Amino acid sequence: MSRHFPASASVSVTFADGTRKVFPGKRLNEIFDDALAAFRAGNNLDAKGFDRGPRKKVQQGIEFVPISPDMA
């Protein structure tokens, strides 16, 4: 996910086990923001994604955010 969904949008997600859950856009945005904050903290990045620590190779972004049906 590289962008936020509109807060009023409803997004249907089908999981690998066949479970289907509808997430409000606002909740998916919160999940994405939490995952992004954890990613930045784990890679010594500041809130804007800039590296303020020692120079090292860092993954440039996240492509997938783990979600589960109980997060809705």
C-alpha atoms as a PDB file:
ATOM      1  CA  MET A   1       0.000   0.000   0.000  1.00  0.00           C
ATOM      2  CA  SER A   2       1.556   3.242  -1.019  1.00  0.00           C
ATOM      3  CA  ARG A   3      -1.357   5.535  -0.267  1.00  0.00           C
ATOM      4  CA  HIS A   4      -4.291   6.051   2.053  1.00  0.00           C
ATOM      5  CA  PHE A   5      -7.869   5.148   1.255  1.00  0.00           C
ATOM      6  CA  PRO A   6     -10.700   7.658   1.685  1.00  0.00           C
ATOM      7  CA  ALA A   7     -12.030   7.351   5.239  1.00  0.00           C
ATOM      8  CA  SER A   8     -15.548   6.618   3.984  1.00  0.00           C
ATOM      9  CA  ALA A   9     -14.450   3.819   1.615  1.00  0.00           C
ATOM     10  CA  SER A  10     -15.162   0.166   2.362  1.00  0.00           C
ATOM     11  CA  VAL A  11     -12.515  -2.336   1.294  1.00  0.00           C
ATOM     12  CA  SER A  12     -13.269  -6.047   1.103  1.00  0.00           C
ATOM     13  CA  VAL A  13     -10.311  -8.311   1.871  1.00  0.00           C
ATOM     14  CA  THR A  14     -10.318 -12.052   1.180  1.00  0.00           C
ATOM     15  CA  PHE A  15      -7.746 -13.936   3.254  1.00  0.00           C
ATOM     16  CA  ALA A  16      -5.878 -17.093   2.222  1.00  0.00           C
ATOM     17  CA  ASP A  17      -8.181 -19.277   4.337  1.00  0.00           C
ATOM     18  CA  GLY A  18     -11.232 -17.963   2.459  1.00  0.00           C
ATOM     19  CA  THR A  19     -12.371 -15.624   5.222  1.00  0.00           C
ATOM     20  CA  ARG A  20     -13.763 -12.385   3.826  1.00  0.00           C
ATOM     21  CA  LYS A  21     -13.860  -9.187   5.872  1.00  0.00           C
ATOM     22  CA  VAL A  22     -14.853  -5.618   5.035  1.00  0.00           C
ATOM     23  CA  PHE A  23     -12.575  -2.920   6.466  1.00  0.00           C
ATOM     24  CA  PRO A  24     -13.451   0.774   6.588  1.00  0.00           C
ATOM     25  CA  GLY A  25     -10.875   2.933   4.809  1.00  0.00           C
ATOM     26  CA  LYS A  26     -10.174   4.789   8.044  1.00  0.00           C
ATOM     27  CA  ARG A  27      -9.219   1.526   9.826  1.00  0.00           C
ATOM     28  CA  LEU A  28      -6.939   0.394   6.978  1.00  0.00           C
ATOM     29  CA  ASN A  29      -5.228   3.788   7.092  1.00  0.00           C
ATOM     30  CA  GLU A  30      -4.652   3.361  10.853  1.00  0.00           C
ATOM     31  CA  ILE A  31      -3.225  -0.146  10.318  1.00  0.00           C
ATOM     32  CA  PHE A  32      -0.955   1.180   7.549  1.00  0.00           C
ATOM     33  CA  ASP A  33       0.258   4.103   9.672  1.00  0.00           C
ATOM     34  CA  ASP A  34       1.039   1.775  12.605  1.00  0.00           C
ATOM     35  CA  ALA A  35       2.960  -0.613  10.330  1.00  0.00           C
ATOM     36  CA  LEU A  36       4.872   2.281   8.772  1.00  0.00           C
ATOM     37  CA  ALA A  37       5.811   3.662  12.207  1.00  0.00           C
ATOM     38  CA  ALA A  38       7.031   0.219  13.316  1.00  0.00           C
ATOM     39  CA  PHE A  39       9.025  -0.154  10.086  1.00  0.00           C
ATOM     40  CA  ARG A  40      10.671   3.244  10.523  1.00  0.00           C
ATOM     41  CA  ALA A  41      11.466   2.577  14.184  1.00  0.00           C
ATOM     42  CA  GLY A  42      12.966  -0.806  13.347  1.00  0.00           C
ATOM     43  CA  ASN A  43      15.208   0.733  10.690  1.00  0.00           C
ATOM     44  CA  ASN A  44      16.313   3.795  12.716  1.00  0.00           C
ATOM     45  CA  LEU A  45      14.360   6.230  10.550  1.00  0.00           C
ATOM     46  CA  ASP A  46      12.706   9.393  11.799  1.00  0.00           C
ATOM     47  CA  ALA A  47       8.985  10.194  11.427  1.00  0.00           C
ATOM     48  CA  LYS A  48       9.484  11.433   7.853  1.00  0.00           C
ATOM     49  CA  GLY A  49      11.477   8.373   6.804  1.00  0.00           C
ATOM     50  CA  PHE A  50      14.927   9.986   6.831  1.00  0.00           C
ATOM     51  CA  ASP A  51      17.893   8.066   8.150  1.00  0.00           C
ATOM     52  CA  ARG A  52      19.369   9.969  11.086  1.00  0.00           C
ATOM     53  CA  GLY A  53      21.606   7.146  12.281  1.00  0.00           C
ATOM     54  CA  PRO A  54      24.788   5.616  10.949  1.00  0.00           C
ATOM     55  CA  ARG A  55      24.947   4.926   7.199  1.00  0.00           C
ATOM     56  CA  LYS A  56      23.715   1.477   6.234  1.00  0.00           C
ATOM     57  CA  LYS A  57      21.558  -0.061   3.533  1.00  0.00           C
ATOM     58  CA  VAL A  58      17.872   0.177   4.446  1.00  0.00           C
ATOM     59  CA  GLN A  59      14.841  -1.222   2.656  1.00  0.00           C
ATOM     60  CA  GLN A  60      13.173   1.774   0.977  1.00  0.00           C
ATOM     61  CA  GLY A  61       9.527   1.000   1.686  1.00  0.00           C
ATOM     62  CA  ILE A  62       6.895  -1.503   2.585  1.00  0.00           C
ATOM     63  CA  GLU A  63       4.772  -3.247  -0.006  1.00  0.00           C
ATOM     64  CA  PHE A  64       2.496  -5.364   2.177  1.00  0.00           C
ATOM     65  CA  VAL A  65       0.923  -4.685   5.552  1.00  0.00           C
ATOM     66  CA  PRO A  66      -0.151  -7.756   7.548  1.00  0.00           C
ATOM     67  CA  ILE A  67      -3.824  -7.639   8.564  1.00  0.00           C
ATOM     68  CA  SER A  68      -6.160 -10.220  10.052  1.00  0.00           C
ATOM     69  CA  PRO A  69      -9.971 -10.463  10.259  1.00  0.00           C
ATOM     70  CA  ASP A  70      -9.998  -9.518  13.960  1.00  0.00           C
ATOM     71  CA  MET A  71      -8.437  -6.090  13.233  1.00  0.00           C
ATOM     72  CA  ALA A  72     -11.642  -4.641  11.709  1.00  0.00           C
END
